[in-house]
Amino acid sequence: MLDVEVAHEQMAQDRRKLAELDMVSALAEPKELPALPAIAVRVMQITSDPKAKLPELKRMIETDEALASKVLKFSNSALYGRTGRVSTLTAAITALGFLTVRWLAVTASAHTLFRKSGGSNSDHTALWKHSLKCAITSRILAKRLDSGQDLEEAFLAGLLHDIGKLAILDKMPGYISRFCQWCDALSLEFSQVEVDVIGVDHSEVSGHVFELWNMPASLSDAVSHHHSPQAAKVNRTMAEILWMANEFFPMEACGHPSPTDEELAALPLMLQHNMNERDAAAIKEETMSRYSELSDLLR
């Protein structure tokens, strides 16, 4: 473990550098934040329009060969109980439905964002794995808790709740691993170190990105408070779901130990809904099964 004095000195050095660069202002500038690929934006617009027709969505997806391929691949996957019977894009969209196509477009675009930003960099790889697991877990929790939350929005919020970390990584390569060392040495929370050194934490930056992408205010609020759900003003339930998904699958890069089923069963939302250790184990098992399938399909 890093020496305490060394950790303090390293943090002070980074703090001075970032103050000179005015990092807080930079992270508030739209042009400095990750941009959602145009194809995902257009698919979201079409699938959110109650008057939109299937041919319009099909024409849009056809403009992106990679996305069209993934839609076909997903429609024939075991996730949907099919084994290679769907051969046209029209049939694939019909089989999946507009909502599933929407989250698929965002998931594929997010995957592209992460790969373009960091390639095989360890921080980016760990962040993507964590994000995908949280997306799946958030959807499962939203359904199991009978939360009243839209399941696809829960998946989307879980997938992109840490997009602020990606924005910071673009400015500070390797910052996650470095900050995790300081957390361990000084027994601090990751967000505490971010605020101390950068002047803002990743959840606040995530909220800015969601606003930039014109995401619903309820999702912007939830991702902004996924580490402090009690402070959420618009959608506390979704913020609690995101917080809980993070508890189920903490980011591996920071060396957090995997929680036991007993620890997970003691979480407030689990207790409120009379969920026990068997439920916690089932949620983890379902998440990892779907994670494996989705990871294969996104390749």
Protein backbone atom coordinates (compact mmCIF):
# COMPACT_ATOMS: atom_id res chain seq x y z
CA MET A 1 0.00 0.00 0.00
CA LEU A 2 1.13 3.55 -0.75
CA ASP A 3 2.68 5.46 2.16
CA VAL A 4 0.34 8.06 3.69
CA GLU A 5 2.80 10.94 3.34
CA VAL A 6 3.53 10.01 -0.27
CA ALA A 7 -0.19 9.89 -1.01
CA HIS A 8 -0.71 13.37 0.46
CA GLU A 9 2.20 14.78 -1.54
CA GLN A 10 1.03 13.21 -4.79
CA MET A 11 -2.49 14.55 -4.25
CA ALA A 12 -1.10 18.04 -3.56
CA GLN A 13 0.95 17.95 -6.76
CA ASP A 14 -2.04 16.92 -8.88
CA ARG A 15 -4.23 19.50 -7.14
CA ARG A 16 -1.82 22.28 -8.08
CA LYS A 17 -1.54 21.12 -11.69
CA LEU A 18 -5.31 20.84 -12.14
CA ALA A 19 -5.92 24.23 -10.53
CA GLU A 20 -3.57 25.78 -13.11
CA LEU A 21 -5.47 24.00 -15.90
CA ASP A 22 -8.83 25.07 -14.39
CA MET A 23 -10.08 21.50 -14.75
CA VAL A 24 -13.48 22.24 -13.18
CA SER A 25 -14.27 24.80 -15.89
CA ALA A 26 -12.98 22.47 -18.60
CA LEU A 27 -15.27 19.67 -17.44
CA ALA A 28 -18.25 22.03 -17.61
CA GLU A 29 -17.60 22.89 -21.27
CA PRO A 30 -19.83 20.92 -23.69
CA LYS A 31 -17.04 20.63 -26.30
CA GLU A 32 -14.80 19.00 -23.69
CA LEU A 33 -17.32 16.27 -22.76
CA PRO A 34 -17.96 12.94 -24.51
CA ALA A 35 -20.38 13.19 -27.43
CA LEU A 36 -23.00 10.52 -28.03
CA PRO A 37 -22.55 9.16 -31.58
CA ALA A 38 -25.02 10.65 -34.07
CA ILE A 39 -26.58 7.26 -34.91
CA ALA A 40 -27.53 6.71 -31.25
CA VAL A 41 -29.02 10.21 -31.01
CA ARG A 42 -31.15 9.66 -34.11
CA VAL A 43 -32.30 6.18 -33.04
CA MET A 44 -33.31 7.59 -29.65
CA GLN A 45 -35.28 10.36 -31.33
CA ILE A 46 -37.11 7.97 -33.64
CA THR A 47 -37.89 5.36 -30.99
CA SER A 48 -39.15 8.07 -28.62
CA ASP A 49 -41.59 9.42 -31.23
CA PRO A 50 -45.02 7.74 -30.88
CA LYS A 51 -45.70 8.53 -34.56
CA ALA A 52 -42.48 6.90 -35.81
CA LYS A 53 -42.83 3.93 -38.16
CA LEU A 54 -40.65 0.86 -38.55
CA PRO A 55 -39.40 1.76 -42.08
CA GLU A 56 -38.00 5.07 -40.75
CA LEU A 57 -36.07 3.28 -38.01
CA LYS A 58 -34.88 0.62 -40.47
CA ARG A 59 -33.55 3.25 -42.90
CA MET A 60 -31.65 4.97 -40.10
CA ILE A 61 -30.08 1.73 -38.80
CA GLU A 62 -29.08 0.75 -42.34
CA THR A 63 -26.79 3.81 -42.45
CA ASP A 64 -24.59 2.22 -39.78
CA GLU A 65 -23.35 -1.20 -40.87
CA ALA A 66 -21.98 -2.11 -37.43
CA LEU A 67 -25.26 -1.31 -35.66
CA ALA A 68 -27.32 -3.12 -38.31
CA SER A 69 -25.15 -6.19 -37.80
CA LYS A 70 -25.61 -6.04 -34.02
CA VAL A 71 -29.41 -5.71 -34.34
CA LEU A 72 -29.50 -8.86 -36.45
CA LYS A 73 -27.11 -10.64 -34.11
CA PHE A 74 -29.16 -9.72 -31.04
CA SER A 75 -32.45 -10.75 -32.62
CA ASN A 76 -31.04 -14.23 -33.18
CA SER A 77 -29.42 -14.56 -29.76
CA ALA A 78 -30.30 -16.83 -26.87
CA LEU A 79 -31.19 -13.68 -24.92
CA TYR A 80 -34.38 -13.59 -26.95
CA GLY A 81 -34.87 -17.33 -27.19
CA ARG A 82 -34.03 -17.50 -30.87
CA THR A 83 -31.50 -19.52 -32.83
CA GLY A 84 -30.78 -18.02 -36.24
CA ARG A 85 -34.28 -17.65 -37.68
CA VAL A 86 -34.25 -13.86 -38.26
CA SER A 87 -32.49 -12.87 -41.50
CA THR A 88 -33.75 -9.36 -42.36
CA LEU A 89 -33.43 -6.04 -40.54
CA THR A 90 -37.18 -5.48 -40.68
CA ALA A 91 -37.82 -8.83 -39.01
CA ALA A 92 -35.11 -8.15 -36.43
CA ILE A 93 -36.58 -4.77 -35.42
CA THR A 94 -40.05 -6.33 -35.25
CA ALA A 95 -38.75 -9.16 -33.06
CA LEU A 96 -36.83 -6.88 -30.70
CA GLY A 97 -39.21 -3.92 -30.52
CA PHE A 98 -38.40 -0.21 -30.56
CA LEU A 99 -37.37 0.00 -26.90
CA THR A 100 -34.85 -2.83 -27.14
CA VAL A 101 -33.43 -1.40 -30.37
CA ARG A 102 -33.02 1.93 -28.55
CA TRP A 103 -30.99 0.54 -25.65
CA LEU A 104 -29.02 -1.64 -28.08
CA ALA A 105 -28.06 1.45 -30.11
CA VAL A 106 -26.98 3.31 -26.97
CA THR A 107 -25.10 0.26 -25.62
CA ALA A 108 -23.23 -0.27 -28.89
CA SER A 109 -22.45 3.45 -29.10
CA ALA A 110 -21.23 3.53 -25.50
CA HIS A 111 -19.02 0.54 -26.20
CA THR A 112 -17.57 2.42 -29.17
CA LEU A 113 -17.02 5.52 -27.01
CA PHE A 114 -15.09 3.55 -24.41
CA ARG A 115 -12.95 1.78 -27.01
CA LYS A 116 -12.16 4.99 -28.91
CA SER A 117 -11.31 6.80 -25.70
CA GLY A 118 -8.98 4.28 -24.15
CA GLY A 119 -8.58 1.18 -26.29
CA SER A 120 -7.25 -1.59 -24.06
CA ASN A 121 -6.17 0.81 -21.28
CA SER A 122 -6.79 -0.91 -17.94
CA ASP A 123 -8.83 1.95 -16.46
CA HIS A 124 -11.11 2.09 -19.50
CA THR A 125 -11.50 -1.69 -19.60
CA ALA A 126 -12.37 -1.87 -15.90
CA LEU A 127 -14.79 1.06 -16.27
CA TRP A 128 -16.59 -0.56 -19.20
CA LYS A 129 -16.97 -3.90 -17.38
CA HIS A 130 -18.30 -2.10 -14.29
CA SER A 131 -20.69 0.01 -16.37
CA LEU A 132 -22.16 -2.95 -18.26
CA LYS A 133 -22.63 -4.97 -15.06
CA CYS A 134 -24.32 -1.99 -13.38
CA ALA A 135 -26.59 -1.55 -16.41
CA ILE A 136 -27.77 -5.15 -16.26
CA THR A 137 -28.12 -5.10 -12.46
CA SER A 138 -30.06 -1.82 -12.54
CA ARG A 139 -32.57 -3.29 -14.98
CA ILE A 140 -32.94 -6.45 -12.88
CA LEU A 141 -33.40 -4.42 -9.69
CA ALA A 142 -35.92 -2.05 -11.30
CA LYS A 143 -38.02 -5.09 -12.21
CA ARG A 144 -37.56 -7.12 -9.03
CA LEU A 145 -38.24 -4.16 -6.75
CA ASP A 146 -41.43 -3.35 -8.67
CA SER A 147 -40.06 0.19 -8.69
CA GLY A 148 -42.29 1.68 -11.35
CA GLN A 149 -39.14 2.70 -13.27
CA ASP A 150 -38.85 2.11 -16.99
CA LEU A 151 -36.63 -0.96 -17.36
CA GLU A 152 -34.79 0.29 -20.45
CA GLU A 153 -34.14 3.65 -18.76
CA ALA A 154 -32.77 1.79 -15.76
CA PHE A 155 -30.40 -0.09 -18.08
CA LEU A 156 -29.38 3.14 -19.82
CA ALA A 157 -28.77 4.98 -16.54
CA GLY A 158 -26.73 2.08 -15.20
CA LEU A 159 -24.67 1.86 -18.37
CA LEU A 160 -23.80 5.57 -18.41
CA HIS A 161 -23.88 6.52 -14.72
CA ASP A 162 -20.06 6.77 -14.72
CA ILE A 163 -19.71 8.59 -18.04
CA GLY A 164 -18.20 11.40 -15.96
CA LYS A 165 -15.23 9.14 -15.22
CA LEU A 166 -14.72 8.70 -18.95
CA ALA A 167 -14.73 12.48 -19.39
CA ILE A 168 -12.12 12.86 -16.65
CA LEU A 169 -10.03 9.99 -18.04
CA ASP A 170 -9.84 11.82 -21.36
CA LYS A 171 -8.19 14.72 -19.51
CA MET A 172 -6.26 12.67 -16.94
CA PRO A 173 -5.23 9.26 -18.33
CA GLY A 174 -4.85 6.66 -15.57
CA TYR A 175 -6.57 8.80 -12.96
CA ILE A 176 -8.82 6.02 -11.66
CA SER A 177 -5.98 3.68 -10.70
CA ARG A 178 -3.99 6.56 -9.20
CA PHE A 179 -6.90 7.90 -7.17
CA CYS A 180 -7.72 4.38 -5.95
CA GLN A 181 -4.23 4.14 -4.47
CA TRP A 182 -4.86 7.33 -2.52
CA CYS A 183 -8.25 6.03 -1.36
CA ASP A 184 -6.59 2.91 0.03
CA ALA A 185 -3.72 4.80 1.67
CA LEU A 186 -5.94 7.44 3.30
CA SER A 187 -9.16 5.45 3.83
CA LEU A 188 -11.17 7.89 1.72
CA GLU A 189 -14.09 7.44 -0.67
CA PHE A 190 -13.27 7.84 -4.36
CA SER A 191 -15.61 10.81 -4.76
CA GLN A 192 -13.96 12.53 -1.79
CA VAL A 193 -10.57 12.32 -3.47
CA GLU A 194 -12.03 13.62 -6.74
CA VAL A 195 -13.53 16.67 -5.04
CA ASP A 196 -10.34 17.29 -3.06
CA VAL A 197 -7.99 17.01 -6.04
CA ILE A 198 -10.09 17.99 -9.08
CA GLY A 199 -12.74 20.16 -7.46
CA VAL A 200 -15.67 18.12 -8.78
CA ASP A 201 -16.65 14.44 -8.65
CA HIS A 202 -17.51 12.13 -11.54
CA SER A 203 -21.21 11.89 -10.67
CA GLU A 204 -21.66 15.64 -11.11
CA VAL A 205 -19.85 15.46 -14.45
CA SER A 206 -22.09 12.53 -15.45
CA GLY A 207 -25.10 14.72 -14.78
CA HIS A 208 -23.66 17.44 -17.05
CA VAL A 209 -23.14 14.89 -19.83
CA PHE A 210 -26.73 13.62 -19.52
CA GLU A 211 -28.01 17.19 -19.77
CA LEU A 212 -25.79 17.78 -22.81
CA TRP A 213 -27.23 14.66 -24.44
CA ASN A 214 -30.79 15.86 -23.70
CA MET A 215 -31.53 12.85 -21.52
CA PRO A 216 -34.68 13.04 -19.35
CA ALA A 217 -34.25 15.24 -16.27
CA SER A 218 -35.14 12.27 -14.08
CA LEU A 219 -32.11 10.34 -15.38
CA SER A 220 -29.76 13.34 -15.15
CA ASP A 221 -30.83 13.75 -11.53
CA ALA A 222 -30.36 10.05 -10.77
CA VAL A 223 -26.85 9.75 -12.23
CA SER A 224 -25.83 13.01 -10.55
CA HIS A 225 -26.72 11.45 -7.19
CA HIS A 226 -25.87 7.79 -7.66
CA HIS A 227 -23.52 8.00 -4.65
CA SER A 228 -25.93 10.13 -2.61
CA PRO A 229 -29.47 9.04 -3.55
CA GLN A 230 -30.97 10.81 -0.55
CA ALA A 231 -30.05 14.11 -2.24
CA ALA A 232 -31.86 13.32 -5.50
CA LYS A 233 -34.72 15.75 -6.11
CA VAL A 234 -36.41 14.34 -9.23
CA ASN A 235 -35.96 10.57 -9.22
CA ARG A 236 -34.69 9.26 -5.91
CA THR A 237 -35.83 5.72 -6.71
CA MET A 238 -33.61 5.49 -9.80
CA ALA A 239 -30.71 7.03 -7.86
CA GLU A 240 -31.18 4.35 -5.18
CA ILE A 241 -31.21 1.62 -7.83
CA LEU A 242 -27.95 2.94 -9.30
CA TRP A 243 -26.38 3.14 -5.85
CA MET A 244 -27.46 -0.42 -5.15
CA ALA A 245 -26.11 -1.69 -8.50
CA ASN A 246 -22.75 -0.16 -7.55
CA GLU A 247 -22.86 -2.03 -4.25
CA PHE A 248 -23.50 -5.31 -6.07
CA PHE A 249 -20.65 -4.75 -8.54
CA PRO A 250 -18.04 -2.23 -7.30
CA MET A 251 -15.37 -1.23 -9.78
CA GLU A 252 -12.60 -3.83 -9.84
CA ALA A 253 -9.84 -1.28 -10.59
CA CYS A 254 -10.13 0.03 -7.04
CA GLY A 255 -9.61 -3.38 -5.51
CA HIS A 256 -12.94 -3.43 -3.70
CA PRO A 257 -13.74 -6.93 -2.44
CA SER A 258 -16.86 -8.52 -3.87
CA PRO A 259 -19.68 -8.16 -1.32
CA THR A 260 -21.09 -11.29 0.24
CA ASP A 261 -24.73 -12.26 -0.25
CA GLU A 262 -25.27 -11.53 3.43
CA GLU A 263 -23.89 -7.99 3.04
CA LEU A 264 -26.05 -7.36 -0.02
CA ALA A 265 -29.17 -8.65 1.71
CA ALA A 266 -28.59 -6.04 4.42
CA LEU A 267 -28.81 -3.12 1.97
CA PRO A 268 -31.76 -0.78 2.74
CA LEU A 269 -33.70 -1.46 -0.47
CA MET A 270 -33.26 -5.20 -0.07
CA LEU A 271 -34.61 -5.04 3.48
CA GLN A 272 -37.50 -2.79 2.46
CA HIS A 273 -38.61 -5.34 -0.11
CA ASN A 274 -38.05 -8.39 2.10
CA MET A 275 -35.29 -9.71 -0.15
CA ASN A 276 -32.80 -12.12 1.35
CA GLU A 277 -29.43 -13.72 0.62
CA ARG A 278 -30.96 -16.08 -1.94
CA ASP A 279 -32.36 -13.08 -3.81
CA ALA A 280 -28.96 -11.38 -3.74
CA ALA A 281 -27.29 -14.51 -5.11
CA ALA A 282 -29.94 -14.82 -7.84
CA ILE A 283 -29.45 -11.18 -8.91
CA LYS A 284 -25.67 -11.65 -9.14
CA GLU A 285 -26.07 -14.89 -11.08
CA GLU A 286 -28.53 -13.37 -13.56
CA THR A 287 -26.31 -10.32 -14.01
CA MET A 288 -23.20 -12.36 -14.78
CA SER A 289 -25.09 -14.62 -17.17
CA ARG A 290 -26.42 -11.66 -19.14
CA TYR A 291 -23.07 -9.87 -18.90
CA SER A 292 -21.34 -12.81 -20.57
CA GLU A 293 -23.96 -12.96 -23.32
CA LEU A 294 -23.92 -9.22 -23.97
CA SER A 295 -20.13 -9.06 -23.99
CA ASP A 296 -20.04 -11.79 -26.64
CA LEU A 297 -22.71 -10.10 -28.74
CA LEU A 298 -20.97 -6.71 -28.64
CA ARG A 299 -17.73 -8.10 -30.04
